[in-house]
């Protein structure tokens, strides 16, 4: 788990473009999921604001994220998704604690 990162995106989707956005994001995520280090990509919609979506991708390490973000395929895929949104913000989060099956794991700090 040491070095695991999560990339997130917050997307404000143009009114009436939600189906096209979801389709474009799904294609983008399918492509990203074949990248070295990508483990899971998910998209959720805010239950109280149907225009606001949040995406999550888990990565094994920072190097994988850098390689993916610098690839022409990623930039083209992101451009296809962005044509359906009013606003987009991305973040990278370092995993500090995970829990599963009643157990927690805290990675060792460098």
PDB file of N, CA and C in Angstrom:
ATOM      1  N   UNK A   1       0.825  -1.186   0.000  1.00  0.00           N
ATOM      2  CA  UNK A   1       0.000   0.000   0.000  1.00  0.00           C
ATOM      3  C   UNK A   1       0.864   1.243   0.000  1.00  0.00           C
ATOM      4  N   UNK A   2       2.092   1.165   0.436  1.00  0.00           N
ATOM      5  CA  UNK A   2       2.949   2.341   0.464  1.00  0.00           C
ATOM      6  C   UNK A   2       3.039   2.942  -0.935  1.00  0.00           C
ATOM      7  N   UNK A   3       2.867   4.249  -1.023  1.00  0.00           N
ATOM      8  CA  UNK A   3       2.952   4.928  -2.301  1.00  0.00           C
ATOM      9  C   UNK A   3       1.666   4.939  -3.100  1.00  0.00           C
ATOM     10  N   UNK A   4       0.603   4.296  -2.627  1.00  0.00           N
ATOM     11  CA  UNK A   4      -0.641   4.263  -3.369  1.00  0.00           C
ATOM     12  C   UNK A   4      -1.254   5.661  -3.419  1.00  0.00           C
ATOM     13  N   UNK A   5      -1.751   6.020  -4.586  1.00  0.00           N
ATOM     14  CA  UNK A   5      -2.399   7.312  -4.783  1.00  0.00           C
ATOM     15  C   UNK A   5      -3.808   7.117  -5.310  1.00  0.00           C
ATOM     16  N   UNK A   6      -4.631   8.119  -5.053  1.00  0.00           N
ATOM     17  CA  UNK A   6      -5.963   8.187  -5.637  1.00  0.00           C
ATOM     18  C   UNK A   6      -6.038   9.503  -6.397  1.00  0.00           C
ATOM     19  N   UNK A   7      -6.424   9.434  -7.650  1.00  0.00           N
ATOM     20  CA  UNK A   7      -6.704  10.652  -8.397  1.00  0.00           C
ATOM     21  C   UNK A   7      -8.212  10.847  -8.381  1.00  0.00           C
ATOM     22  N   UNK A   8      -8.628  12.087  -8.181  1.00  0.00           N
ATOM     23  CA  UNK A   8     -10.051  12.393  -8.172  1.00  0.00           C
ATOM     24  C   UNK A   8     -10.330  13.521  -9.154  1.00  0.00           C
ATOM     25  N   UNK A   9     -11.528  13.528  -9.643  1.00  0.00           N
ATOM     26  CA  UNK A   9     -11.986  14.625 -10.492  1.00  0.00           C
ATOM     27  C   UNK A   9     -13.384  15.017 -10.065  1.00  0.00           C
ATOM     28  N   UNK A  10     -13.628  16.311 -10.005  1.00  0.00           N
ATOM     29  CA  UNK A  10     -14.970  16.826  -9.752  1.00  0.00           C
ATOM     30  C   UNK A  10     -15.425  17.506 -11.029  1.00  0.00           C
ATOM     31  N   UNK A  11     -16.541  17.054 -11.547  1.00  0.00           N
ATOM     32  CA  UNK A  11     -17.039  17.471 -12.857  1.00  0.00           C
ATOM     33  C   UNK A  11     -18.412  18.112 -12.701  1.00  0.00           C
ATOM     34  N   UNK A  12     -18.581  19.321 -13.184  1.00  0.00           N
ATOM     35  CA  UNK A  12     -19.901  19.953 -13.273  1.00  0.00           C
ATOM     36  C   UNK A  12     -20.336  19.825 -14.728  1.00  0.00           C
ATOM     37  N   UNK A  13     -21.291  18.957 -14.964  1.00  0.00           N
ATOM     38  CA  UNK A  13     -21.676  18.581 -16.322  1.00  0.00           C
ATOM     39  C   UNK A  13     -22.738  19.538 -16.854  1.00  0.00           C
ATOM     40  N   UNK A  14     -22.576  19.933 -18.124  1.00  0.00           N
ATOM     41  CA  UNK A  14     -23.548  20.801 -18.783  1.00  0.00           C
ATOM     42  C   UNK A  14     -24.945  20.199 -18.684  1.00  0.00           C
ATOM     43  N   UNK A  15     -25.931  21.045 -18.470  1.00  0.00           N
ATOM     44  CA  UNK A  15     -27.330  20.620 -18.399  1.00  0.00           C
ATOM     45  C   UNK A  15     -27.704  19.828 -19.651  1.00  0.00           C
ATOM     46  N   UNK A  16     -28.276  18.662 -19.455  1.00  0.00           N
ATOM     47  CA  UNK A  16     -28.722  17.835 -20.570  1.00  0.00           C
ATOM     48  C   UNK A  16     -27.633  16.994 -21.215  1.00  0.00           C
ATOM     49  N   UNK A  17     -26.380  17.137 -20.774  1.00  0.00           N
ATOM     50  CA  UNK A  17     -25.286  16.377 -21.380  1.00  0.00           C
ATOM     51  C   UNK A  17     -24.808  15.210 -20.514  1.00  0.00           C
ATOM     52  N   UNK A  18     -25.561  14.891 -19.455  1.00  0.00           N
ATOM     53  CA  UNK A  18     -25.125  13.834 -18.551  1.00  0.00           C
ATOM     54  C   UNK A  18     -24.925  12.489 -19.257  1.00  0.00           C
ATOM     55  N   UNK A  19     -25.862  12.038 -20.105  1.00  0.00           N
ATOM     56  CA  UNK A  19     -25.627  10.740 -20.773  1.00  0.00           C
ATOM     57  C   UNK A  19     -24.374  10.742 -21.654  1.00  0.00           C
ATOM     58  N   UNK A  20     -24.147  11.816 -22.407  1.00  0.00           N
ATOM     59  CA  UNK A  20     -22.954  11.890 -23.259  1.00  0.00           C
ATOM     60  C   UNK A  20     -21.684  11.953 -22.409  1.00  0.00           C
ATOM     61  N   UNK A  21     -21.747  12.681 -21.292  1.00  0.00           N
ATOM     62  CA  UNK A  21     -20.604  12.756 -20.381  1.00  0.00           C
ATOM     63  C   UNK A  21     -20.279  11.373 -19.839  1.00  0.00           C
ATOM     64  N   UNK A  22     -21.285  10.651 -19.354  1.00  0.00           N
ATOM     65  CA  UNK A  22     -21.056   9.321 -18.780  1.00  0.00           C
ATOM     66  C   UNK A  22     -20.447   8.384 -19.825  1.00  0.00           C
ATOM     67  N   UNK A  23     -20.945   8.445 -21.040  1.00  0.00           N
ATOM     68  CA  UNK A  23     -20.401   7.605 -22.111  1.00  0.00           C
ATOM     69  C   UNK A  23     -18.941   7.960 -22.397  1.00  0.00           C
ATOM     70  N   UNK A  24     -18.646   9.261 -22.487  1.00  0.00           N
ATOM     71  CA  UNK A  24     -17.265   9.690 -22.750  1.00  0.00           C
ATOM     72  C   UNK A  24     -16.349   9.320 -21.580  1.00  0.00           C
ATOM     73  N   UNK A  25     -16.834   9.496 -20.348  1.00  0.00           N
ATOM     74  CA  UNK A  25     -16.020   9.155 -19.186  1.00  0.00           C
ATOM     75  C   UNK A  25     -15.751   7.652 -19.146  1.00  0.00           C
ATOM     76  N   UNK A  26     -16.757   6.852 -19.478  1.00  0.00           N
ATOM     77  CA  UNK A  26     -16.587   5.395 -19.468  1.00  0.00           C
ATOM     78  C   UNK A  26     -15.503   4.969 -20.462  1.00  0.00           C
ATOM     79  N   UNK A  27     -15.483   5.568 -21.648  1.00  0.00           N
ATOM     80  CA  UNK A  27     -14.441   5.248 -22.634  1.00  0.00           C
ATOM     81  C   UNK A  27     -13.072   5.692 -22.120  1.00  0.00           C
ATOM     82  N   UNK A  28     -13.018   6.877 -21.529  1.00  0.00           N
ATOM     83  CA  UNK A  28     -11.788   7.407 -20.948  1.00  0.00           C
ATOM     84  C   UNK A  28     -11.277   6.477 -19.847  1.00  0.00           C
ATOM     85  N   UNK A  29     -12.167   6.036 -18.974  1.00  0.00           N
ATOM     86  CA  UNK A  29     -11.790   5.160 -17.861  1.00  0.00           C
ATOM     87  C   UNK A  29     -11.347   3.791 -18.365  1.00  0.00           C
ATOM     88  N   UNK A  30     -12.015   3.272 -19.388  1.00  0.00           N
ATOM     89  CA  UNK A  30     -11.626   1.976 -19.939  1.00  0.00           C
ATOM     90  C   UNK A  30     -10.195   2.037 -20.464  1.00  0.00           C
ATOM     91  N   UNK A  31      -9.865   3.115 -21.137  1.00  0.00           N
ATOM     92  CA  UNK A  31      -8.507   3.295 -21.638  1.00  0.00           C
ATOM     93  C   UNK A  31      -7.516   3.439 -20.489  1.00  0.00           C
ATOM     94  N   UNK A  32      -7.849   4.269 -19.509  1.00  0.00           N
ATOM     95  CA  UNK A  32      -6.960   4.481 -18.364  1.00  0.00           C
ATOM     96  C   UNK A  32      -6.738   3.197 -17.582  1.00  0.00           C
ATOM     97  N   UNK A  33      -7.757   2.351 -17.509  1.00  0.00           N
ATOM     98  CA  UNK A  33      -7.650   1.130 -16.708  1.00  0.00           C
ATOM     99  C   UNK A  33      -6.648   0.136 -17.271  1.00  0.00           C
ATOM    100  N   UNK A  34      -6.215   0.337 -18.508  1.00  0.00           N
ATOM    101  CA  UNK A  34      -5.196  -0.535 -19.099  1.00  0.00           C
ATOM    102  C   UNK A  34      -3.783  -0.030 -18.821  1.00  0.00           C
ATOM    103  N   UNK A  35      -3.667   1.141 -18.196  1.00  0.00           N
ATOM    104  CA  UNK A  35      -2.358   1.724 -17.887  1.00  0.00           C
ATOM    105  C   UNK A  35      -1.689   0.969 -16.748  1.00  0.00           C
ATOM    106  N   UNK A  36      -0.366   0.875 -16.808  1.00  0.00           N
ATOM    107  CA  UNK A  36       0.379   0.274 -15.705  1.00  0.00           C
ATOM    108  C   UNK A  36       0.066   1.033 -14.428  1.00  0.00           C
ATOM    109  N   UNK A  37      -0.219   0.322 -13.364  1.00  0.00           N
ATOM    110  CA  UNK A  37      -0.447   0.929 -12.066  1.00  0.00           C
ATOM    111  C   UNK A  37      -1.875   1.304 -11.763  1.00  0.00           C
ATOM    112  N   UNK A  38      -2.756   1.320 -12.771  1.00  0.00           N
ATOM    113  CA  UNK A  38      -4.175   1.636 -12.527  1.00  0.00           C
ATOM    114  C   UNK A  38      -4.842   0.406 -11.935  1.00  0.00           C
ATOM    115  N   UNK A  39      -5.590   0.599 -10.844  1.00  0.00           N
ATOM    116  CA  UNK A  39      -6.235  -0.559 -10.229  1.00  0.00           C
ATOM    117  C   UNK A  39      -7.751  -0.502 -10.279  1.00  0.00           C
ATOM    118  N   UNK A  40      -8.346   0.689 -10.149  1.00  0.00           N
ATOM    119  CA  UNK A  40      -9.810   0.798 -10.164  1.00  0.00           C
ATOM    120  C   UNK A  40     -10.181   2.231 -10.493  1.00  0.00           C
ATOM    121  N   UNK A  41     -11.155   2.395 -11.378  1.00  0.00           N
ATOM    122  CA  UNK A  41     -11.686   3.713 -11.705  1.00  0.00           C
ATOM    123  C   UNK A  41     -13.192   3.674 -11.510  1.00  0.00           C
ATOM    124  N   UNK A  42     -13.720   4.714 -10.870  1.00  0.00           N
ATOM    125  CA  UNK A  42     -15.158   4.776 -10.586  1.00  0.00           C
ATOM    126  C   UNK A  42     -15.663   6.186 -10.811  1.00  0.00           C
ATOM    127  N   UNK A  43     -16.936   6.277 -11.164  1.00  0.00           N
ATOM    128  CA  UNK A  43     -17.602   7.563 -11.333  1.00  0.00           C
ATOM    129  C   UNK A  43     -18.886   7.536 -10.526  1.00  0.00           C
ATOM    130  N   UNK A  44     -19.111   8.580  -9.745  1.00  0.00           N
ATOM    131  CA  UNK A  44     -20.335   8.701  -8.969  1.00  0.00           C
ATOM    132  C   UNK A  44     -20.989  10.051  -9.239  1.00  0.00           C
ATOM    133  N   UNK A  45     -22.280  10.117  -8.960  1.00  0.00           N
ATOM    134  CA  UNK A  45     -23.020  11.371  -9.116  1.00  0.00           C
ATOM    135  C   UNK A  45     -23.516  11.820  -7.752  1.00  0.00           C
ATOM    136  N   UNK A  46     -23.435  13.114  -7.498  1.00  0.00           N
ATOM    137  CA  UNK A  46     -23.922  13.715  -6.259  1.00  0.00           C
ATOM    138  C   UNK A  46     -25.436  13.505  -6.187  1.00  0.00           C
ATOM    139  N   UNK A  47     -25.905  12.861  -5.128  1.00  0.00           N
ATOM    140  CA  UNK A  47     -27.330  12.564  -4.981  1.00  0.00           C
ATOM    141  C   UNK A  47     -28.178  13.831  -4.854  1.00  0.00           C
ATOM    142  N   UNK A  48     -27.584  14.926  -4.392  1.00  0.00           N
ATOM    143  CA  UNK A  48     -28.357  16.164  -4.225  1.00  0.00           C
ATOM    144  C   UNK A  48     -28.156  17.162  -5.371  1.00  0.00           C
ATOM    145  N   UNK A  49     -27.222  16.887  -6.272  1.00  0.00           N
ATOM    146  CA  UNK A  49     -26.967  17.773  -7.410  1.00  0.00           C
ATOM    147  C   UNK A  49     -26.616  16.922  -8.624  1.00  0.00           C
ATOM    148  N   UNK A  50     -27.605  16.616  -9.485  1.00  0.00           N
ATOM    149  CA  UNK A  50     -27.367  15.695 -10.598  1.00  0.00           C
ATOM    150  C   UNK A  50     -26.378  16.202 -11.650  1.00  0.00           C
ATOM    151  N   UNK A  51     -25.946  17.451 -11.567  1.00  0.00           N
ATOM    152  CA  UNK A  51     -24.929  17.963 -12.495  1.00  0.00           C
ATOM    153  C   UNK A  51     -23.517  17.679 -11.993  1.00  0.00           C
ATOM    154  N   UNK A  52     -23.356  17.359 -10.701  1.00  0.00           N
ATOM    155  CA  UNK A  52     -22.028  17.194 -10.107  1.00  0.00           C
ATOM    156  C   UNK A  52     -21.659  15.708 -10.045  1.00  0.00           C
ATOM    157  N   UNK A  53     -20.548  15.383 -10.679  1.00  0.00           N
ATOM    158  CA  UNK A  53     -20.017  14.028 -10.685  1.00  0.00           C
ATOM    159  C   UNK A  53     -18.634  14.041 -10.040  1.00  0.00           C
ATOM    160  N   UNK A  54     -18.252  12.907  -9.442  1.00  0.00           N
ATOM    161  CA  UNK A  54     -16.919  12.761  -8.865  1.00  0.00           C
ATOM    162  C   UNK A  54     -16.344  11.434  -9.343  1.00  0.00           C
ATOM    163  N   UNK A  55     -15.127  11.496  -9.856  1.00  0.00           N
ATOM    164  CA  UNK A  55     -14.444  10.279 -10.292  1.00  0.00           C
ATOM    165  C   UNK A  55     -13.299   9.970  -9.342  1.00  0.00           C
ATOM    166  N   UNK A  56     -13.002   8.670  -9.210  1.00  0.00           N
ATOM    167  CA  UNK A  56     -11.930   8.185  -8.356  1.00  0.00           C
ATOM    168  C   UNK A  56     -11.145   7.136  -9.130  1.00  0.00           C
ATOM    169  N   UNK A  57      -9.832   7.228  -9.070  1.00  0.00           N
ATOM    170  CA  UNK A  57      -8.979   6.197  -9.661  1.00  0.00           C
ATOM    171  C   UNK A  57      -7.896   5.859  -8.647  1.00  0.00           C
ATOM    172  N   UNK A  58      -7.696   4.583  -8.393  1.00  0.00           N
ATOM    173  CA  UNK A  58      -6.623   4.170  -7.498  1.00  0.00           C
ATOM    174  C   UNK A  58      -5.443   3.691  -8.333  1.00  0.00           C
ATOM    175  N   UNK A  59      -4.263   4.056  -7.859  1.00  0.00           N
ATOM    176  CA  UNK A  59      -3.019   3.769  -8.562  1.00  0.00           C
ATOM    177  C   UNK A  59      -2.035   3.139  -7.589  1.00  0.00           C
ATOM    178  N   UNK A  60      -1.188   2.272  -8.106  1.00  0.00           N
ATOM    179  CA  UNK A  60      -0.221   1.596  -7.247  1.00  0.00           C
ATOM    180  C   UNK A  60       0.898   2.515  -6.802  1.00  0.00           C
ATOM    181  N   UNK A  61       1.225   3.539  -7.616  1.00  0.00           N
ATOM    182  CA  UNK A  61       2.348   4.399  -7.264  1.00  0.00           C
ATOM    183  C   UNK A  61       2.299   5.701  -8.060  1.00  0.00           C
ATOM    184  N   UNK A  62       3.081   6.659  -7.609  1.00  0.00           N
ATOM    185  CA  UNK A  62       3.129   7.979  -8.225  1.00  0.00           C
ATOM    186  C   UNK A  62       3.680   7.936  -9.648  1.00  0.00           C
ATOM    187  N   UNK A  63       4.659   7.090  -9.897  1.00  0.00           N
ATOM    188  CA  UNK A  63       5.243   6.986 -11.239  1.00  0.00           C
ATOM    189  C   UNK A  63       4.196   6.596 -12.279  1.00  0.00           C
ATOM    190  N   UNK A  64       3.292   5.709 -11.902  1.00  0.00           N
ATOM    191  CA  UNK A  64       2.227   5.292 -12.820  1.00  0.00           C
ATOM    192  C   UNK A  64       1.309   6.450 -13.151  1.00  0.00           C
ATOM    193  N   UNK A  65       0.972   7.252 -12.144  1.00  0.00           N
ATOM    194  CA  UNK A  65       0.113   8.413 -12.370  1.00  0.00           C
ATOM    195  C   UNK A  65       0.797   9.388 -13.316  1.00  0.00           C
ATOM    196  N   UNK A  66       2.076   9.658 -13.084  1.00  0.00           N
ATOM    197  CA  UNK A  66       2.818  10.598 -13.932  1.00  0.00           C
ATOM    198  C   UNK A  66       2.859  10.112 -15.385  1.00  0.00           C
ATOM    199  N   UNK A  67       3.133   8.825 -15.568  1.00  0.00           N
ATOM    200  CA  UNK A  67       3.196   8.273 -16.919  1.00  0.00           C
ATOM    201  C   UNK A  67       1.847   8.398 -17.618  1.00  0.00           C
ATOM    202  N   UNK A  68       0.771   8.089 -16.898  1.00  0.00           N
ATOM    203  CA  UNK A  68      -0.565   8.183 -17.484  1.00  0.00           C
ATOM    204  C   UNK A  68      -0.912   9.622 -17.833  1.00  0.00           C
ATOM    205  N   UNK A  69      -0.672  10.555 -16.911  1.00  0.00           N
ATOM    206  CA  UNK A  69      -1.028  11.951 -17.144  1.00  0.00           C
ATOM    207  C   UNK A  69      -0.227  12.578 -18.282  1.00  0.00           C
ATOM    208  N   UNK A  70       0.948  12.066 -18.556  1.00  0.00           N
ATOM    209  CA  UNK A  70       1.762  12.642 -19.629  1.00  0.00           C
ATOM    210  C   UNK A  70       1.519  11.994 -20.984  1.00  0.00           C
ATOM    211  N   UNK A  71       0.666  10.989 -21.041  1.00  0.00           N
ATOM    212  CA  UNK A  71       0.454  10.276 -22.304  1.00  0.00           C
ATOM    213  C   UNK A  71      -0.506  11.032 -23.226  1.00  0.00           C
ATOM    214  N   UNK A  72      -0.240  11.024 -24.517  1.00  0.00           N
ATOM    215  CA  UNK A  72      -1.149  11.655 -25.481  1.00  0.00           C
ATOM    216  C   UNK A  72      -2.545  11.020 -25.461  1.00  0.00           C
ATOM    217  N   UNK A  73      -2.622   9.729 -25.211  1.00  0.00           N
ATOM    218  CA  UNK A  73      -3.916   9.037 -25.145  1.00  0.00           C
ATOM    219  C   UNK A  73      -4.752   9.614 -24.008  1.00  0.00           C
ATOM    220  N   UNK A  74      -4.123   9.873 -22.856  1.00  0.00           N
ATOM    221  CA  UNK A  74      -4.841  10.444 -21.720  1.00  0.00           C
ATOM    222  C   UNK A  74      -5.339  11.835 -22.054  1.00  0.00           C
ATOM    223  N   UNK A  75      -4.499  12.661 -22.650  1.00  0.00           N
ATOM    224  CA  UNK A  75      -4.902  14.034 -22.979  1.00  0.00           C
ATOM    225  C   UNK A  75      -6.063  14.052 -23.973  1.00  0.00           C
ATOM    226  N   UNK A  76      -6.030  13.187 -24.967  1.00  0.00           N
ATOM    227  CA  UNK A  76      -7.116  13.118 -25.950  1.00  0.00           C
ATOM    228  C   UNK A  76      -8.403  12.622 -25.298  1.00  0.00           C
ATOM    229  N   UNK A  77      -8.298  11.594 -24.456  1.00  0.00           N
ATOM    230  CA  UNK A  77      -9.482  11.084 -23.767  1.00  0.00           C
ATOM    231  C   UNK A  77     -10.095  12.115 -22.848  1.00  0.00           C
ATOM    232  N   UNK A  78      -9.245  12.845 -22.112  1.00  0.00           N
ATOM    233  CA  UNK A  78      -9.734  13.888 -21.225  1.00  0.00           C
ATOM    234  C   UNK A  78     -10.426  14.994 -22.023  1.00  0.00           C
ATOM    235  N   UNK A  79      -9.881  15.341 -23.165  1.00  0.00           N
ATOM    236  CA  UNK A  79     -10.500  16.372 -24.022  1.00  0.00           C
ATOM    237  C   UNK A  79     -11.901  15.944 -24.452  1.00  0.00           C
ATOM    238  N   UNK A  80     -12.082  14.663 -24.731  1.00  0.00           N
ATOM    239  CA  UNK A  80     -13.404  14.161 -25.133  1.00  0.00           C
ATOM    240  C   UNK A  80     -14.407  14.294 -23.992  1.00  0.00           C
ATOM    241  N   UNK A  81     -13.956  14.064 -22.767  1.00  0.00           N
ATOM    242  CA  UNK A  81     -14.842  14.171 -21.604  1.00  0.00           C
ATOM    243  C   UNK A  81     -15.149  15.642 -21.306  1.00  0.00           C
ATOM    244  N   UNK A  82     -14.132  16.485 -21.375  1.00  0.00           N
ATOM    245  CA  UNK A  82     -14.291  17.888 -21.006  1.00  0.00           C
ATOM    246  C   UNK A  82     -15.258  18.656 -21.901  1.00  0.00           C
ATOM    247  N   UNK A  83     -15.523  18.167 -23.087  1.00  0.00           N
ATOM    248  CA  UNK A  83     -16.461  18.880 -23.966  1.00  0.00           C
ATOM    249  C   UNK A  83     -17.896  18.861 -23.427  1.00  0.00           C
ATOM    250  N   UNK A  84     -18.142  18.075 -22.379  1.00  0.00           N
ATOM    251  CA  UNK A  84     -19.483  17.965 -21.803  1.00  0.00           C
ATOM    252  C   UNK A  84     -19.623  18.669 -20.449  1.00  0.00           C
ATOM    253  N   UNK A  85     -18.575  19.359 -19.998  1.00  0.00           N
ATOM    254  CA  UNK A  85     -18.601  19.928 -18.650  1.00  0.00           C
ATOM    255  C   UNK A  85     -18.416  21.437 -18.639  1.00  0.00           C
ATOM    256  N   UNK A  86     -19.002  22.068 -17.610  1.00  0.00           N
ATOM    257  CA  UNK A  86     -18.819  23.499 -17.365  1.00  0.00           C
ATOM    258  C   UNK A  86     -17.558  23.756 -16.551  1.00  0.00           C
ATOM    259  N   UNK A  87     -17.220  22.821 -15.656  1.00  0.00           N
ATOM    260  CA  UNK A  87     -16.111  23.037 -14.732  1.00  0.00           C
ATOM    261  C   UNK A  87     -15.516  21.687 -14.353  1.00  0.00           C
ATOM    262  N   UNK A  88     -14.197  21.656 -14.138  1.00  0.00           N
ATOM    263  CA  UNK A  88     -13.501  20.432 -13.771  1.00  0.00           C
ATOM    264  C   UNK A  88     -12.345  20.769 -12.843  1.00  0.00           C
ATOM    265  N   UNK A  89     -12.210  20.003 -11.762  1.00  0.00           N
ATOM    266  CA  UNK A  89     -11.078  20.123 -10.843  1.00  0.00           C
ATOM    267  C   UNK A  89     -10.548  18.725 -10.571  1.00  0.00           C
ATOM    268  N   UNK A  90      -9.228  18.599 -10.545  1.00  0.00           N
ATOM    269  CA  UNK A  90      -8.638  17.301 -10.221  1.00  0.00           C
ATOM    270  C   UNK A  90      -7.709  17.442  -9.026  1.00  0.00           C
ATOM    271  N   UNK A  91      -7.549  16.341  -8.324  1.00  0.00           N
ATOM    272  CA  UNK A  91      -6.691  16.277  -7.147  1.00  0.00           C
ATOM    273  C   UNK A  91      -5.985  14.928  -7.130  1.00  0.00           C
ATOM    274  N   UNK A  92      -4.873  14.883  -6.439  1.00  0.00           N
ATOM    275  CA  UNK A  92      -4.187  13.630  -6.152  1.00  0.00           C
ATOM    276  C   UNK A  92      -4.152  13.474  -4.638  1.00  0.00           C
ATOM    277  N   UNK A  93      -4.571  12.315  -4.171  1.00  0.00           N
ATOM    278  CA  UNK A  93      -4.612  12.038  -2.740  1.00  0.00           C
ATOM    279  C   UNK A  93      -3.685  10.874  -2.420  1.00  0.00           C
ATOM    280  N   UNK A  94      -2.890  11.026  -1.377  1.00  0.00           N
ATOM    281  CA  UNK A  94      -2.045   9.948  -0.895  1.00  0.00           C
ATOM    282  C   UNK A  94      -2.849   9.138   0.113  1.00  0.00           C
ATOM    283  N   UNK A  95      -2.876   7.836  -0.055  1.00  0.00           N
ATOM    284  CA  UNK A  95      -3.615   6.972   0.867  1.00  0.00           C
ATOM    285  C   UNK A  95      -2.880   6.926   2.204  1.00  0.00           C
ATOM    286  N   UNK A  96      -3.614   7.240   3.281  1.00  0.00           N
ATOM    287  CA  UNK A  96      -3.039   7.216   4.628  1.00  0.00           C
ATOM    288  C   UNK A  96      -3.494   6.019   5.439  1.00  0.00           C
ATOM    289  N   UNK A  97      -4.775   5.648   5.319  1.00  0.00           N
ATOM    290  CA  UNK A  97      -5.323   4.516   6.061  1.00  0.00           C
ATOM    291  C   UNK A  97      -6.324   3.807   5.166  1.00  0.00           C
ATOM    292  N   UNK A  98      -6.314   2.486   5.212  1.00  0.00           N
ATOM    293  CA  UNK A  98      -7.309   1.673   4.527  1.00  0.00           C
ATOM    294  C   UNK A  98      -7.935   0.732   5.537  1.00  0.00           C
ATOM    295  N   UNK A  99      -9.173   0.346   5.306  1.00  0.00           N
ATOM    296  CA  UNK A  99      -9.839  -0.615   6.179  1.00  0.00           C
ATOM    297  C   UNK A  99     -10.611  -1.605   5.327  1.00  0.00           C
ATOM    298  N   UNK A 100     -10.557  -2.854   5.712  1.00  0.00           N
ATOM    299  CA  UNK A 100     -11.313  -3.911   5.041  1.00  0.00           C
ATOM    300  C   UNK A 100     -11.435  -5.078   5.998  1.00  0.00           C
ATOM    301  N   UNK A 101     -12.611  -5.688   6.030  1.00  0.00           N
ATOM    302  CA  UNK A 101     -12.814  -6.869   6.858  1.00  0.00           C
ATOM    303  C   UNK A 101     -12.534  -6.639   8.340  1.00  0.00           C
ATOM    304  N   UNK A 102     -12.781  -5.436   8.815  1.00  0.00           N
ATOM    305  CA  UNK A 102     -12.574  -5.135  10.227  1.00  0.00           C
ATOM    306  C   UNK A 102     -11.140  -4.807  10.592  1.00  0.00           C
ATOM    307  N   UNK A 103     -10.251  -4.791   9.624  1.00  0.00           N
ATOM    308  CA  UNK A 103      -8.839  -4.495   9.871  1.00  0.00           C
ATOM    309  C   UNK A 103      -8.452  -3.178   9.195  1.00  0.00           C
ATOM    310  N   UNK A 104      -7.560  -2.436   9.836  1.00  0.00           N
ATOM    311  CA  UNK A 104      -7.040  -1.226   9.208  1.00  0.00           C
ATOM    312  C   UNK A 104      -5.573  -1.422   8.905  1.00  0.00           C
ATOM    313  N   UNK A 105      -5.104  -0.678   7.912  1.00  0.00           N
ATOM    314  CA  UNK A 105      -3.694  -0.712   7.548  1.00  0.00           C
ATOM    315  C   UNK A 105      -3.228   0.717   7.355  1.00  0.00           C
ATOM    316  N   UNK A 106      -2.116   1.048   7.973  1.00  0.00           N
ATOM    317  CA  UNK A 106      -1.519   2.362   7.840  1.00  0.00           C
ATOM    318  C   UNK A 106      -0.139   2.146   7.224  1.00  0.00           C
ATOM    319  N   UNK A 107       0.106   2.749   6.034  1.00  0.00           N
ATOM    320  CA  UNK A 107       1.415   2.538   5.405  1.00  0.00           C
ATOM    321  C   UNK A 107       2.531   3.171   6.223  1.00  0.00           C
ATOM    322  N   UNK A 108       3.696   2.606   6.107  1.00  0.00           N
ATOM    323  CA  UNK A 108       4.875   3.115   6.797  1.00  0.00           C
ATOM    324  C   UNK A 108       5.337   4.379   6.090  1.00  0.00           C
ATOM    325  N   UNK A 109       5.556   5.451   6.868  1.00  0.00           N
ATOM    326  CA  UNK A 109       6.039   6.701   6.280  1.00  0.00           C
ATOM    327  C   UNK A 109       7.489   6.549   5.849  1.00  0.00           C
ATOM    328  N   UNK A 110       7.843   7.270   4.794  1.00  0.00           N
ATOM    329  CA  UNK A 110       9.240   7.260   4.310  1.00  0.00           C
ATOM    330  C   UNK A 110      10.148   7.953   5.293  1.00  0.00           C
TER     331      UNK A 110
END
